Every structure is written in structure tokens, then in C-alpha cells.
Amino acid sequence: MPTYLYKNLETGEIYELVQSMRDDPYTTHPETGVPVKRILARPAIAFKGGGFHANDYRPAEPKAKEPKSGGGSE
């Protein structure tokens, strides 16, 4: 089950609470009963630098055709 971040509205303390994705967000802390609000968390990854898409996903450039040797036999 996923972990969600909740903020205590009285003290500002942040909690991690585990609950099903199908459940409604908590309005009170399940153990203490204090009012809480679900907050958004930043993703754990960050893409930095230039051109991830352009560098990694561009099609391969066609190779130059090598000239065939003239059909002379020895």
C-alpha cells in the first residue's frame, strides 16, 4: 500500500501514513485524532542536464554507403 504525507494542522508536524489508494484522505490522525491534511510530495527523481529526449531517443543516423569495388576480376 502507498505511503502518503499528512500535515498536522495544529503543530505543522508532517506524518507519513500508509493507506489504500481507494480510501478517502484522512481528515484526522487515525491514532491521535488531531486534524490533518494530505500534502503533495516531490518526486524522488530529477532529470538535470540538457536533451535527455534528443540524446537518448533520436533515431540512429543512417550509415553512409561504402562504395562497392568495381567488378574487375583478376
PDB file of N, CA and C in Angstrom:
ATOM      1  N   MET A   1       0.842  -1.179   0.000  1.00  0.00           N
ATOM      2  CA  MET A   1       0.000   0.000   0.000  1.00  0.00           C
ATOM      3  C   MET A   1       0.887   1.242   0.000  1.00  0.00           C
ATOM      4  N   PRO A   2       0.417   2.302  -0.624  1.00  0.00           N
ATOM      5  CA  PRO A   2       1.228   3.519  -0.715  1.00  0.00           C
ATOM      6  C   PRO A   2       1.289   4.295   0.602  1.00  0.00           C
ATOM      7  N   THR A   3       2.317   5.114   0.693  1.00  0.00           N
ATOM      8  CA  THR A   3       2.522   5.978   1.844  1.00  0.00           C
ATOM      9  C   THR A   3       2.215   7.415   1.429  1.00  0.00           C
ATOM     10  N   TYR A   4       1.425   8.118   2.221  1.00  0.00           N
ATOM     11  CA  TYR A   4       1.060   9.498   1.923  1.00  0.00           C
ATOM     12  C   TYR A   4       1.580  10.413   3.030  1.00  0.00           C
ATOM     13  N   LEU A   5       1.826  11.670   2.675  1.00  0.00           N
ATOM     14  CA  LEU A   5       2.265  12.665   3.649  1.00  0.00           C
ATOM     15  C   LEU A   5       1.064  13.451   4.138  1.00  0.00           C
ATOM     16  N   TYR A   6       0.994  13.619   5.438  1.00  0.00           N
ATOM     17  CA  TYR A   6      -0.064  14.406   6.058  1.00  0.00           C
ATOM     18  C   TYR A   6       0.575  15.427   6.984  1.00  0.00           C
ATOM     19  N   LYS A   7      -0.020  16.613   7.030  1.00  0.00           N
ATOM     20  CA  LYS A   7       0.479  17.693   7.884  1.00  0.00           C
ATOM     21  C   LYS A   7      -0.511  17.924   9.015  1.00  0.00           C
ATOM     22  N   ASN A   8       0.008  17.983  10.241  1.00  0.00           N
ATOM     23  CA  ASN A   8      -0.796  18.302  11.415  1.00  0.00           C
ATOM     24  C   ASN A   8      -1.150  19.776  11.328  1.00  0.00           C
ATOM     25  N   LEU A   9      -2.430  20.096  11.311  1.00  0.00           N
ATOM     26  CA  LEU A   9      -2.867  21.481  11.144  1.00  0.00           C
ATOM     27  C   LEU A   9      -2.631  22.331  12.385  1.00  0.00           C
ATOM     28  N   GLU A  10      -2.431  21.708  13.534  1.00  0.00           N
ATOM     29  CA  GLU A  10      -2.199  22.466  14.762  1.00  0.00           C
ATOM     30  C   GLU A  10      -0.722  22.781  14.971  1.00  0.00           C
ATOM     31  N   THR A  11       0.147  21.792  14.747  1.00  0.00           N
ATOM     32  CA  THR A  11       1.572  21.970  15.042  1.00  0.00           C
ATOM     33  C   THR A  11       2.444  22.108  13.801  1.00  0.00           C
ATOM     34  N   GLY A  12       1.931  21.718  12.629  1.00  0.00           N
ATOM     35  CA  GLY A  12       2.730  21.769  11.410  1.00  0.00           C
ATOM     36  C   GLY A  12       3.609  20.548  11.202  1.00  0.00           C
ATOM     37  N   GLU A  13       3.556  19.589  12.122  1.00  0.00           N
ATOM     38  CA  GLU A  13       4.349  18.372  12.000  1.00  0.00           C
ATOM     39  C   GLU A  13       3.856  17.550  10.810  1.00  0.00           C
ATOM     40  N   ILE A  14       4.785  16.885  10.122  1.00  0.00           N
ATOM     41  CA  ILE A  14       4.440  16.099   8.942  1.00  0.00           C
ATOM     42  C   ILE A  14       4.551  14.613   9.274  1.00  0.00           C
ATOM     43  N   TYR A  15       3.524  13.858   8.889  1.00  0.00           N
ATOM     44  CA  TYR A  15       3.451  12.423   9.145  1.00  0.00           C
ATOM     45  C   TYR A  15       3.451  11.668   7.821  1.00  0.00           C
ATOM     46  N   GLU A  16       3.935  10.431   7.845  1.00  0.00           N
ATOM     47  CA  GLU A  16       3.771   9.503   6.737  1.00  0.00           C
ATOM     48  C   GLU A  16       2.760   8.462   7.193  1.00  0.00           C
ATOM     49  N   LEU A  17       1.663   8.363   6.473  1.00  0.00           N
ATOM     50  CA  LEU A  17       0.635   7.395   6.826  1.00  0.00           C
ATOM     51  C   LEU A  17       0.398   6.460   5.655  1.00  0.00           C
ATOM     52  N   VAL A  18       0.245   5.173   5.958  1.00  0.00           N
ATOM     53  CA  VAL A  18       0.005   4.161   4.939  1.00  0.00           C
ATOM     54  C   VAL A  18      -1.492   3.936   4.848  1.00  0.00           C
ATOM     55  N   GLN A  19      -2.018   4.008   3.607  1.00  0.00           N
ATOM     56  CA  GLN A  19      -3.427   3.739   3.404  1.00  0.00           C
ATOM     57  C   GLN A  19      -3.645   3.291   1.960  1.00  0.00           C
ATOM     58  N   SER A  20      -4.760   2.655   1.715  1.00  0.00           N
ATOM     59  CA  SER A  20      -5.084   2.177   0.384  1.00  0.00           C
ATOM     60  C   SER A  20      -5.364   3.353  -0.540  1.00  0.00           C
ATOM     61  N   MET A  21      -5.103   3.161  -1.831  1.00  0.00           N
ATOM     62  CA  MET A  21      -5.378   4.213  -2.804  1.00  0.00           C
ATOM     63  C   MET A  21      -6.884   4.439  -2.946  1.00  0.00           C
ATOM     64  N   ARG A  22      -7.674   3.465  -2.585  1.00  0.00           N
ATOM     65  CA  ARG A  22      -9.132   3.574  -2.707  1.00  0.00           C
ATOM     66  C   ARG A  22      -9.759   4.331  -1.545  1.00  0.00           C
ATOM     67  N   ASP A  23      -9.049   4.453  -0.431  1.00  0.00           N
ATOM     68  CA  ASP A  23      -9.589   5.135   0.749  1.00  0.00           C
ATOM     69  C   ASP A  23      -9.601   6.640   0.545  1.00  0.00           C
ATOM     70  N   ASP A  24     -10.565   7.288   1.177  1.00  0.00           N
ATOM     71  CA  ASP A  24     -10.592   8.751   1.182  1.00  0.00           C
ATOM     72  C   ASP A  24      -9.449   9.272   2.041  1.00  0.00           C
ATOM     73  N   PRO A  25      -8.933  10.484   1.750  1.00  0.00           N
ATOM     74  CA  PRO A  25      -7.857  11.045   2.582  1.00  0.00           C
ATOM     75  C   PRO A  25      -8.329  11.229   4.026  1.00  0.00           C
ATOM     76  N   TYR A  26      -7.390  11.039   4.946  1.00  0.00           N
ATOM     77  CA  TYR A  26      -7.708  11.257   6.358  1.00  0.00           C
ATOM     78  C   TYR A  26      -7.962  12.743   6.598  1.00  0.00           C
ATOM     79  N   THR A  27      -8.895  13.034   7.510  1.00  0.00           N
ATOM     80  CA  THR A  27      -9.101  14.407   7.972  1.00  0.00           C
ATOM     81  C   THR A  27      -8.594  14.564   9.395  1.00  0.00           C
ATOM     82  N   THR A  28      -8.477  13.435  10.095  1.00  0.00           N
ATOM     83  CA  THR A  28      -7.893  13.424  11.436  1.00  0.00           C
ATOM     84  C   THR A  28      -6.883  12.290  11.499  1.00  0.00           C
ATOM     85  N   HIS A  29      -5.873  12.454  12.346  1.00  0.00           N
ATOM     86  CA  HIS A  29      -4.858  11.417  12.514  1.00  0.00           C
ATOM     87  C   HIS A  29      -5.544  10.184  13.097  1.00  0.00           C
ATOM     88  N   PRO A  30      -5.292   8.993  12.518  1.00  0.00           N
ATOM     89  CA  PRO A  30      -6.012   7.797  12.974  1.00  0.00           C
ATOM     90  C   PRO A  30      -5.731   7.402  14.417  1.00  0.00           C
ATOM     91  N   GLU A  31      -4.593   7.779  14.981  1.00  0.00           N
ATOM     92  CA  GLU A  31      -4.269   7.390  16.356  1.00  0.00           C
ATOM     93  C   GLU A  31      -4.548   8.492  17.368  1.00  0.00           C
ATOM     94  N   THR A  32      -4.231   9.753  17.001  1.00  0.00           N
ATOM     95  CA  THR A  32      -4.349  10.842  17.976  1.00  0.00           C
ATOM     96  C   THR A  32      -5.616  11.667  17.807  1.00  0.00           C
ATOM     97  N   GLY A  33      -6.224  11.655  16.613  1.00  0.00           N
ATOM     98  CA  GLY A  33      -7.451  12.406  16.394  1.00  0.00           C
ATOM     99  C   GLY A  33      -7.262  13.872  16.069  1.00  0.00           C
ATOM    100  N   VAL A  34      -6.010  14.341  15.949  1.00  0.00           N
ATOM    101  CA  VAL A  34      -5.793  15.754  15.615  1.00  0.00           C
ATOM    102  C   VAL A  34      -6.082  15.970  14.134  1.00  0.00           C
ATOM    103  N   PRO A  35      -6.540  17.170  13.749  1.00  0.00           N
ATOM    104  CA  PRO A  35      -6.842  17.420  12.341  1.00  0.00           C
ATOM    105  C   PRO A  35      -5.576  17.409  11.478  1.00  0.00           C
ATOM    106  N   VAL A  36      -5.656  16.730  10.330  1.00  0.00           N
ATOM    107  CA  VAL A  36      -4.530  16.637   9.407  1.00  0.00           C
ATOM    108  C   VAL A  36      -5.025  16.912   7.989  1.00  0.00           C
ATOM    109  N   LYS A  37      -4.064  17.232   7.120  1.00  0.00           N
ATOM    110  CA  LYS A  37      -4.365  17.475   5.715  1.00  0.00           C
ATOM    111  C   LYS A  37      -3.316  16.787   4.868  1.00  0.00           C
ATOM    112  N   ARG A  38      -3.728  16.107   3.800  1.00  0.00           N
ATOM    113  CA  ARG A  38      -2.772  15.436   2.905  1.00  0.00           C
ATOM    114  C   ARG A  38      -2.028  16.501   2.106  1.00  0.00           C
ATOM    115  N   ILE A  39      -0.705  16.329   2.019  1.00  0.00           N
ATOM    116  CA  ILE A  39       0.115  17.251   1.250  1.00  0.00           C
ATOM    117  C   ILE A  39       0.807  16.493   0.129  1.00  0.00           C
ATOM    118  N   LEU A  40       1.181  17.219  -0.897  1.00  0.00           N
ATOM    119  CA  LEU A  40       1.866  16.612  -2.037  1.00  0.00           C
ATOM    120  C   LEU A  40       3.347  16.513  -1.758  1.00  0.00           C
ATOM    121  N   ALA A  41       3.944  15.441  -2.246  1.00  0.00           N
ATOM    122  CA  ALA A  41       5.379  15.230  -2.080  1.00  0.00           C
ATOM    123  C   ALA A  41       6.063  15.383  -3.432  1.00  0.00           C
ATOM    124  N   ARG A  42       7.304  15.828  -3.416  1.00  0.00           N
ATOM    125  CA  ARG A  42       8.073  15.926  -4.647  1.00  0.00           C
ATOM    126  C   ARG A  42       8.461  14.533  -5.113  1.00  0.00           C
ATOM    127  N   PRO A  43       8.590  14.358  -6.419  1.00  0.00           N
ATOM    128  CA  PRO A  43       9.033  13.045  -6.892  1.00  0.00           C
ATOM    129  C   PRO A  43      10.463  12.766  -6.467  1.00  0.00           C
ATOM    130  N   ALA A  44      10.818  11.509  -6.399  1.00  0.00           N
ATOM    131  CA  ALA A  44      12.138  11.115  -5.914  1.00  0.00           C
ATOM    132  C   ALA A  44      13.224  11.244  -6.968  1.00  0.00           C
ATOM    133  N   ILE A  45      12.861  11.508  -8.219  1.00  0.00           N
ATOM    134  CA  ILE A  45      13.865  11.620  -9.270  1.00  0.00           C
ATOM    135  C   ILE A  45      13.823  13.016  -9.880  1.00  0.00           C
ATOM    136  N   ALA A  46      14.938  13.449 -10.402  1.00  0.00           N
ATOM    137  CA  ALA A  46      15.012  14.742 -11.084  1.00  0.00           C
ATOM    138  C   ALA A  46      15.936  14.590 -12.280  1.00  0.00           C
ATOM    139  N   PHE A  47      15.456  14.978 -13.440  1.00  0.00           N
ATOM    140  CA  PHE A  47      16.269  14.914 -14.638  1.00  0.00           C
ATOM    141  C   PHE A  47      16.943  16.260 -14.823  1.00  0.00           C
ATOM    142  N   LYS A  48      18.252  16.266 -14.752  1.00  0.00           N
ATOM    143  CA  LYS A  48      19.005  17.509 -14.921  1.00  0.00           C
ATOM    144  C   LYS A  48      19.900  17.391 -16.139  1.00  0.00           C
ATOM    145  N   GLY A  49      20.198  18.507 -16.734  1.00  0.00           N
ATOM    146  CA  GLY A  49      21.052  18.491 -17.913  1.00  0.00           C
ATOM    147  C   GLY A  49      20.227  18.716 -19.163  1.00  0.00           C
ATOM    148  N   GLY A  50      20.903  18.792 -20.264  1.00  0.00           N
ATOM    149  CA  GLY A  50      20.204  19.119 -21.492  1.00  0.00           C
ATOM    150  C   GLY A  50      19.952  17.919 -22.372  1.00  0.00           C
ATOM    151  N   GLY A  51      18.779  17.868 -22.923  1.00  0.00           N
ATOM    152  CA  GLY A  51      18.456  16.978 -24.003  1.00  0.00           C
ATOM    153  C   GLY A  51      18.357  15.509 -23.726  1.00  0.00           C
ATOM    154  N   PHE A  52      17.668  15.104 -22.675  1.00  0.00           N
ATOM    155  CA  PHE A  52      17.513  13.673 -22.453  1.00  0.00           C
ATOM    156  C   PHE A  52      16.790  13.042 -23.629  1.00  0.00           C
ATOM    157  N   HIS A  53      15.730  13.677 -24.064  1.00  0.00           N
ATOM    158  CA  HIS A  53      14.957  13.107 -25.163  1.00  0.00           C
ATOM    159  C   HIS A  53      15.760  13.146 -26.463  1.00  0.00           C
ATOM    160  N   ALA A  54      16.388  14.265 -26.739  1.00  0.00           N
ATOM    161  CA  ALA A  54      17.121  14.413 -28.002  1.00  0.00           C
ATOM    162  C   ALA A  54      18.329  13.479 -28.061  1.00  0.00           C
ATOM    163  N   ASN A  55      18.972  13.235 -26.951  1.00  0.00           N
ATOM    164  CA  ASN A  55      20.168  12.389 -26.951  1.00  0.00           C
ATOM    165  C   ASN A  55      19.846  10.902 -26.895  1.00  0.00           C
ATOM    166  N   ASP A  56      18.848  10.551 -26.165  1.00  0.00           N
ATOM    167  CA  ASP A  56      18.595   9.134 -25.920  1.00  0.00           C
ATOM    168  C   ASP A  56      17.562   8.508 -26.841  1.00  0.00           C
ATOM    169  N   TYR A  57      16.680   9.293 -27.408  1.00  0.00           N
ATOM    170  CA  TYR A  57      15.570   8.712 -28.150  1.00  0.00           C
ATOM    171  C   TYR A  57      15.531   9.120 -29.616  1.00  0.00           C
ATOM    172  N   ARG A  58      16.541   9.766 -30.108  1.00  0.00           N
ATOM    173  CA  ARG A  58      16.516  10.135 -31.520  1.00  0.00           C
ATOM    174  C   ARG A  58      16.881   8.898 -32.339  1.00  0.00           C
ATOM    175  N   PRO A  59      16.325   8.775 -33.538  1.00  0.00           N
ATOM    176  CA  PRO A  59      16.640   7.598 -34.353  1.00  0.00           C
ATOM    177  C   PRO A  59      18.099   7.611 -34.781  1.00  0.00           C
ATOM    178  N   ALA A  60      18.637   6.442 -34.969  1.00  0.00           N
ATOM    179  CA  ALA A  60      20.032   6.324 -35.381  1.00  0.00           C
ATOM    180  C   ALA A  60      20.187   6.923 -36.776  1.00  0.00           C
ATOM    181  N   GLU A  61      21.281   7.623 -36.966  1.00  0.00           N
ATOM    182  CA  GLU A  61      21.514   8.232 -38.276  1.00  0.00           C
ATOM    183  C   GLU A  61      21.928   7.146 -39.260  1.00  0.00           C
ATOM    184  N   PRO A  62      21.439   7.247 -40.499  1.00  0.00           N
ATOM    185  CA  PRO A  62      21.797   6.209 -41.474  1.00  0.00           C
ATOM    186  C   PRO A  62      23.294   6.225 -41.762  1.00  0.00           C
ATOM    187  N   LYS A  63      23.851   5.043 -41.909  1.00  0.00           N
ATOM    188  CA  LYS A  63      25.280   4.934 -42.193  1.00  0.00           C
ATOM    189  C   LYS A  63      25.515   5.235 -43.672  1.00  0.00           C
ATOM    190  N   ALA A  64      26.641   5.852 -43.945  1.00  0.00           N
ATOM    191  CA  ALA A  64      26.982   6.147 -45.338  1.00  0.00           C
ATOM    192  C   ALA A  64      27.289   4.840 -46.054  1.00  0.00           C
ATOM    193  N   LYS A  65      26.809   4.745 -47.288  1.00  0.00           N
ATOM    194  CA  LYS A  65      27.054   3.519 -48.050  1.00  0.00           C
ATOM    195  C   LYS A  65      28.507   3.484 -48.485  1.00  0.00           C
ATOM    196  N   GLU A  66      29.119   2.327 -48.323  1.00  0.00           N
ATOM    197  CA  GLU A  66      30.501   2.172 -48.759  1.00  0.00           C
ATOM    198  C   GLU A  66      30.515   1.890 -50.255  1.00  0.00           C
ATOM    199  N   PRO A  67      31.425   2.527 -50.987  1.00  0.00           N
ATOM    200  CA  PRO A  67      31.461   2.291 -52.424  1.00  0.00           C
ATOM    201  C   PRO A  67      31.845   0.841 -52.700  1.00  0.00           C
ATOM    202  N   LYS A  68      31.117   0.240 -53.612  1.00  0.00           N
ATOM    203  CA  LYS A  68      31.407  -1.147 -53.980  1.00  0.00           C
ATOM    204  C   LYS A  68      32.586  -1.149 -54.936  1.00  0.00           C
ATOM    205  N   SER A  69      33.418  -2.158 -54.794  1.00  0.00           N
ATOM    206  CA  SER A  69      34.584  -2.233 -55.691  1.00  0.00           C
ATOM    207  C   SER A  69      34.108  -2.552 -57.100  1.00  0.00           C
ATOM    208  N   GLY A  70      34.822  -1.998 -58.093  1.00  0.00           N
ATOM    209  CA  GLY A  70      34.472  -2.236 -59.496  1.00  0.00           C
ATOM    210  C   GLY A  70      34.548  -3.715 -59.815  1.00  0.00           C
ATOM    211  N   GLY A  71      33.709  -4.230 -60.601  1.00  0.00           N
ATOM    212  CA  GLY A  71      33.605  -5.663 -60.848  1.00  0.00           C
ATOM    213  C   GLY A  71      34.735  -6.262 -61.644  1.00  0.00           C
ATOM    214  N   GLY A  72      35.964  -5.736 -61.534  1.00  0.00           N
ATOM    215  CA  GLY A  72      37.086  -6.297 -62.277  1.00  0.00           C
ATOM    216  C   GLY A  72      37.545  -7.617 -61.677  1.00  0.00           C
ATOM    217  N   SER A  73      37.769  -8.603 -62.464  1.00  0.00           N
ATOM    218  CA  SER A  73      38.263  -9.871 -61.965  1.00  0.00           C
ATOM    219  C   SER A  73      39.746 -10.000 -62.216  1.00  0.00           C
ATOM    220  N   GLU A  74      40.452 -10.742 -61.455  1.00  0.00           N
ATOM    221  CA  GLU A  74      41.905 -10.870 -61.577  1.00  0.00           C
ATOM    222  C   GLU A  74      42.301 -12.012 -62.418  1.00  0.00           C
TER     223      GLU A  74
END
